[in-house]
Amino acid sequence: MQLTVKEEAYKWFKDELAVSEGDHVQFYVRYGGDSDFQAGFSLAVTVKEADQIAAETEVNGVKFYIEQKDEWFFDGKDLTVLYKEDINEIAFEHRE
């Protein structure tokens, strides 16, 4: 599993969550909602130190990651985090 955060998405995190160099952003699974990965679950985001990392990437000194306990959610697929200008939000895309 690979994690990619596009530059435009990074800018959204910088503006909306005030992340800066040295911060850690976690993508984690929450019950409820819907996703292209697993029905009945969705992704959430928090700023916190990494624990047991399954996938990570760094953009402008900010580490984005997924912990091992949430790896099941992705079912072996890669995650790309994009920015959707028309809704001014981040979005998640997967690929095999």
N, C-alpha and C. Protein backbone atom coordinates (compact mmCIF):
# COMPACT_ATOMS: atom_id res chain seq x y z
N MET A 1 0.85 -1.18 0.00
CA MET A 1 0.00 0.00 0.00
C MET A 1 0.89 1.24 0.00
N GLN A 2 0.57 2.16 -0.89
CA GLN A 2 1.29 3.43 -0.95
C GLN A 2 0.34 4.57 -0.63
N LEU A 3 0.88 5.60 -0.03
CA LEU A 3 0.12 6.80 0.31
C LEU A 3 0.73 7.96 -0.44
N THR A 4 -0.12 8.71 -1.15
CA THR A 4 0.32 9.90 -1.89
C THR A 4 -0.56 11.07 -1.48
N VAL A 5 0.06 12.19 -1.16
CA VAL A 5 -0.67 13.42 -0.85
C VAL A 5 -0.23 14.45 -1.88
N LYS A 6 -1.15 14.89 -2.71
CA LYS A 6 -0.85 15.88 -3.74
C LYS A 6 -0.56 17.24 -3.10
N GLU A 7 0.23 18.04 -3.80
CA GLU A 7 0.63 19.36 -3.30
C GLU A 7 -0.58 20.24 -2.97
N GLU A 8 -1.61 20.20 -3.81
CA GLU A 8 -2.81 21.01 -3.56
C GLU A 8 -3.52 20.56 -2.28
N ALA A 9 -3.50 19.25 -2.01
CA ALA A 9 -4.09 18.73 -0.77
C ALA A 9 -3.27 19.19 0.43
N TYR A 10 -1.95 19.16 0.30
CA TYR A 10 -1.09 19.65 1.37
C TYR A 10 -1.45 21.10 1.72
N LYS A 11 -1.66 21.93 0.71
CA LYS A 11 -2.01 23.33 0.95
C LYS A 11 -3.32 23.44 1.73
N TRP A 12 -4.29 22.55 1.44
CA TRP A 12 -5.55 22.53 2.19
C TRP A 12 -5.28 22.22 3.65
N PHE A 13 -4.45 21.22 3.93
CA PHE A 13 -4.10 20.87 5.32
C PHE A 13 -3.40 22.03 6.01
N LYS A 14 -2.54 22.71 5.31
CA LYS A 14 -1.83 23.86 5.87
C LYS A 14 -2.81 24.97 6.24
N ASP A 15 -3.77 25.25 5.35
CA ASP A 15 -4.74 26.31 5.60
C ASP A 15 -5.79 25.92 6.64
N GLU A 16 -6.34 24.71 6.52
CA GLU A 16 -7.46 24.30 7.37
C GLU A 16 -7.04 23.77 8.74
N LEU A 17 -5.91 23.07 8.81
CA LEU A 17 -5.47 22.47 10.07
C LEU A 17 -4.21 23.12 10.64
N ALA A 18 -3.71 24.12 9.94
CA ALA A 18 -2.53 24.87 10.37
C ALA A 18 -1.32 23.97 10.60
N VAL A 19 -1.16 22.94 9.75
CA VAL A 19 0.01 22.08 9.88
C VAL A 19 1.23 22.80 9.35
N SER A 20 2.36 22.44 9.92
CA SER A 20 3.62 23.02 9.47
C SER A 20 4.71 21.96 9.59
N GLU A 21 5.88 22.31 9.13
CA GLU A 21 7.00 21.37 9.12
C GLU A 21 7.16 20.72 10.49
N GLY A 22 7.31 19.40 10.48
CA GLY A 22 7.47 18.64 11.72
C GLY A 22 6.19 18.02 12.24
N ASP A 23 5.03 18.44 11.71
CA ASP A 23 3.75 17.87 12.14
C ASP A 23 3.53 16.50 11.50
N HIS A 24 2.63 15.73 12.12
CA HIS A 24 2.22 14.42 11.62
C HIS A 24 0.71 14.42 11.43
N VAL A 25 0.25 13.98 10.27
CA VAL A 25 -1.18 13.92 9.97
C VAL A 25 -1.55 12.46 9.75
N GLN A 26 -2.51 11.99 10.55
CA GLN A 26 -2.95 10.60 10.46
C GLN A 26 -4.27 10.49 9.72
N PHE A 27 -4.35 9.53 8.80
CA PHE A 27 -5.61 9.14 8.18
C PHE A 27 -6.03 7.87 8.90
N TYR A 28 -7.24 7.88 9.47
CA TYR A 28 -7.67 6.71 10.22
C TYR A 28 -9.12 6.36 9.87
N VAL A 29 -9.48 5.13 10.20
CA VAL A 29 -10.79 4.60 9.86
C VAL A 29 -11.78 4.93 10.97
N ARG A 30 -12.96 5.34 10.56
CA ARG A 30 -14.04 5.55 11.52
C ARG A 30 -15.28 4.81 11.04
N TYR A 31 -16.07 4.38 11.99
CA TYR A 31 -17.31 3.68 11.68
C TYR A 31 -18.34 4.69 11.22
N GLY A 32 -19.04 4.38 10.15
CA GLY A 32 -20.05 5.28 9.61
C GLY A 32 -19.58 5.93 8.34
N GLY A 33 -20.53 6.45 7.62
CA GLY A 33 -20.21 7.08 6.35
C GLY A 33 -20.06 6.04 5.27
N ASP A 34 -19.43 6.41 4.21
CA ASP A 34 -19.25 5.49 3.09
C ASP A 34 -17.96 5.87 2.38
N SER A 35 -17.39 4.90 1.72
CA SER A 35 -16.16 5.14 0.97
C SER A 35 -16.07 4.16 -0.18
N ASP A 36 -15.11 4.39 -1.04
CA ASP A 36 -14.84 3.47 -2.13
C ASP A 36 -14.07 2.25 -1.65
N PHE A 37 -13.61 2.28 -0.41
CA PHE A 37 -12.81 1.19 0.13
C PHE A 37 -13.68 0.13 0.83
N GLN A 38 -14.46 0.55 1.83
CA GLN A 38 -15.26 -0.37 2.63
C GLN A 38 -16.59 0.30 2.95
N ALA A 39 -17.68 -0.36 2.64
CA ALA A 39 -19.01 0.16 2.95
C ALA A 39 -19.20 0.25 4.46
N GLY A 40 -19.82 1.34 4.91
CA GLY A 40 -20.10 1.51 6.33
C GLY A 40 -18.97 2.12 7.13
N PHE A 41 -17.85 2.44 6.46
CA PHE A 41 -16.70 3.06 7.11
C PHE A 41 -16.22 4.22 6.25
N SER A 42 -15.54 5.15 6.88
CA SER A 42 -14.98 6.27 6.13
C SER A 42 -13.65 6.68 6.74
N LEU A 43 -12.95 7.55 6.06
CA LEU A 43 -11.67 8.04 6.54
C LEU A 43 -11.85 9.35 7.30
N ALA A 44 -11.06 9.49 8.34
CA ALA A 44 -11.01 10.72 9.10
C ALA A 44 -9.55 11.15 9.19
N VAL A 45 -9.32 12.36 9.67
CA VAL A 45 -7.99 12.94 9.72
C VAL A 45 -7.77 13.56 11.09
N THR A 46 -6.57 13.39 11.62
CA THR A 46 -6.19 14.07 12.86
C THR A 46 -4.71 14.40 12.80
N VAL A 47 -4.31 15.37 13.59
CA VAL A 47 -2.90 15.72 13.69
C VAL A 47 -2.39 15.11 14.99
N LYS A 48 -1.52 14.09 14.86
CA LYS A 48 -0.95 13.43 16.03
C LYS A 48 0.29 12.65 15.64
N GLU A 49 1.14 12.39 16.62
CA GLU A 49 2.36 11.64 16.38
C GLU A 49 2.06 10.24 15.88
N ALA A 50 2.92 9.74 15.03
CA ALA A 50 2.75 8.41 14.45
C ALA A 50 3.09 7.33 15.46
N ASP A 51 2.41 6.18 15.31
CA ASP A 51 2.71 5.02 16.15
C ASP A 51 3.24 3.92 15.23
N GLN A 52 2.47 2.89 14.99
CA GLN A 52 2.91 1.78 14.14
C GLN A 52 2.46 2.05 12.71
N ILE A 53 3.38 2.52 11.89
CA ILE A 53 3.06 3.02 10.56
C ILE A 53 3.00 1.89 9.53
N ALA A 54 1.94 1.90 8.72
CA ALA A 54 1.79 0.97 7.60
C ALA A 54 2.21 1.64 6.29
N ALA A 55 1.88 2.92 6.15
CA ALA A 55 2.24 3.68 4.95
C ALA A 55 2.44 5.14 5.34
N GLU A 56 3.38 5.79 4.68
CA GLU A 56 3.63 7.19 4.98
C GLU A 56 4.24 7.90 3.78
N THR A 57 4.08 9.20 3.80
CA THR A 57 4.72 10.06 2.81
C THR A 57 4.98 11.40 3.48
N GLU A 58 5.87 12.16 2.93
CA GLU A 58 6.18 13.47 3.49
C GLU A 58 6.06 14.53 2.41
N VAL A 59 5.40 15.63 2.75
CA VAL A 59 5.26 16.76 1.83
C VAL A 59 5.65 18.02 2.60
N ASN A 60 6.65 18.71 2.13
CA ASN A 60 7.11 19.96 2.74
C ASN A 60 7.33 19.83 4.24
N GLY A 61 7.92 18.72 4.66
CA GLY A 61 8.25 18.52 6.06
C GLY A 61 7.11 18.02 6.94
N VAL A 62 5.93 17.80 6.37
CA VAL A 62 4.79 17.26 7.11
C VAL A 62 4.66 15.78 6.76
N LYS A 63 4.63 14.92 7.79
CA LYS A 63 4.49 13.49 7.57
C LYS A 63 3.01 13.12 7.60
N PHE A 64 2.55 12.48 6.53
CA PHE A 64 1.19 11.96 6.42
C PHE A 64 1.30 10.45 6.52
N TYR A 65 0.41 9.82 7.30
CA TYR A 65 0.57 8.38 7.51
C TYR A 65 -0.74 7.67 7.80
N ILE A 66 -0.66 6.34 7.69
CA ILE A 66 -1.73 5.42 8.06
C ILE A 66 -1.11 4.40 9.00
N GLU A 67 -1.77 4.13 10.12
CA GLU A 67 -1.25 3.15 11.06
C GLU A 67 -1.60 1.73 10.64
N GLN A 68 -0.83 0.78 11.14
CA GLN A 68 -1.04 -0.63 10.81
C GLN A 68 -2.44 -1.11 11.18
N LYS A 69 -2.99 -0.63 12.27
CA LYS A 69 -4.31 -1.09 12.71
C LYS A 69 -5.42 -0.71 11.72
N ASP A 70 -5.15 0.24 10.83
CA ASP A 70 -6.14 0.66 9.83
C ASP A 70 -5.84 0.15 8.42
N GLU A 71 -4.81 -0.63 8.29
CA GLU A 71 -4.40 -1.12 6.98
C GLU A 71 -5.47 -1.99 6.31
N TRP A 72 -6.25 -2.72 7.09
CA TRP A 72 -7.31 -3.60 6.56
C TRP A 72 -8.30 -2.84 5.67
N PHE A 73 -8.56 -1.59 6.05
CA PHE A 73 -9.55 -0.77 5.37
C PHE A 73 -9.25 -0.61 3.88
N PHE A 74 -7.98 -0.55 3.53
CA PHE A 74 -7.56 -0.25 2.16
C PHE A 74 -7.51 -1.49 1.27
N ASP A 75 -7.60 -2.66 1.85
CA ASP A 75 -7.71 -3.91 1.10
C ASP A 75 -6.63 -4.01 0.02
N GLY A 76 -5.40 -3.60 0.37
CA GLY A 76 -4.27 -3.69 -0.56
C GLY A 76 -4.19 -2.60 -1.60
N LYS A 77 -5.11 -1.66 -1.58
CA LYS A 77 -5.12 -0.56 -2.56
C LYS A 77 -4.29 0.62 -2.06
N ASP A 78 -3.80 1.40 -3.00
CA ASP A 78 -3.05 2.62 -2.69
C ASP A 78 -4.03 3.77 -2.48
N LEU A 79 -3.64 4.73 -1.65
CA LEU A 79 -4.47 5.90 -1.36
C LEU A 79 -3.80 7.16 -1.88
N THR A 80 -4.55 7.96 -2.63
CA THR A 80 -4.10 9.28 -3.05
C THR A 80 -5.04 10.31 -2.46
N VAL A 81 -4.48 11.33 -1.83
CA VAL A 81 -5.27 12.42 -1.25
C VAL A 81 -5.16 13.61 -2.19
N LEU A 82 -6.33 14.04 -2.68
CA LEU A 82 -6.42 15.13 -3.65
C LEU A 82 -7.15 16.32 -3.04
N TYR A 83 -7.09 17.42 -3.75
CA TYR A 83 -7.89 18.59 -3.38
C TYR A 83 -8.89 18.83 -4.50
N LYS A 84 -10.17 18.96 -4.13
CA LYS A 84 -11.22 19.25 -5.11
C LYS A 84 -11.60 20.72 -4.98
N GLU A 85 -11.18 21.51 -5.95
CA GLU A 85 -11.39 22.96 -5.91
C GLU A 85 -12.88 23.33 -5.92
N ASP A 86 -13.69 22.57 -6.66
CA ASP A 86 -15.10 22.91 -6.77
C ASP A 86 -15.87 22.81 -5.45
N ILE A 87 -15.38 21.98 -4.52
CA ILE A 87 -16.04 21.86 -3.21
C ILE A 87 -15.15 22.34 -2.06
N ASN A 88 -13.93 22.79 -2.40
CA ASN A 88 -12.97 23.29 -1.42
C ASN A 88 -12.73 22.27 -0.29
N GLU A 89 -12.53 21.01 -0.69
CA GLU A 89 -12.30 19.92 0.27
C GLU A 89 -11.28 18.96 -0.29
N ILE A 90 -10.71 18.16 0.62
CA ILE A 90 -9.87 17.08 0.16
C ILE A 90 -10.76 15.91 -0.25
N ALA A 91 -10.21 15.03 -1.04
CA ALA A 91 -10.93 13.84 -1.49
C ALA A 91 -9.94 12.68 -1.51
N PHE A 92 -10.47 11.47 -1.43
CA PHE A 92 -9.64 10.27 -1.41
C PHE A 92 -9.90 9.45 -2.66
N GLU A 93 -8.84 8.98 -3.25
CA GLU A 93 -8.92 8.17 -4.46
C GLU A 93 -8.06 6.93 -4.23
N HIS A 94 -8.51 5.81 -4.75
CA HIS A 94 -7.70 4.60 -4.60
C HIS A 94 -7.36 4.01 -5.95
N ARG A 95 -6.32 3.21 -5.94
CA ARG A 95 -5.91 2.48 -7.14
C ARG A 95 -5.28 1.17 -6.72
N GLU A 96 -5.36 0.21 -7.61
CA GLU A 96 -4.82 -1.13 -7.33
C GLU A 96 -3.31 -1.09 -7.31
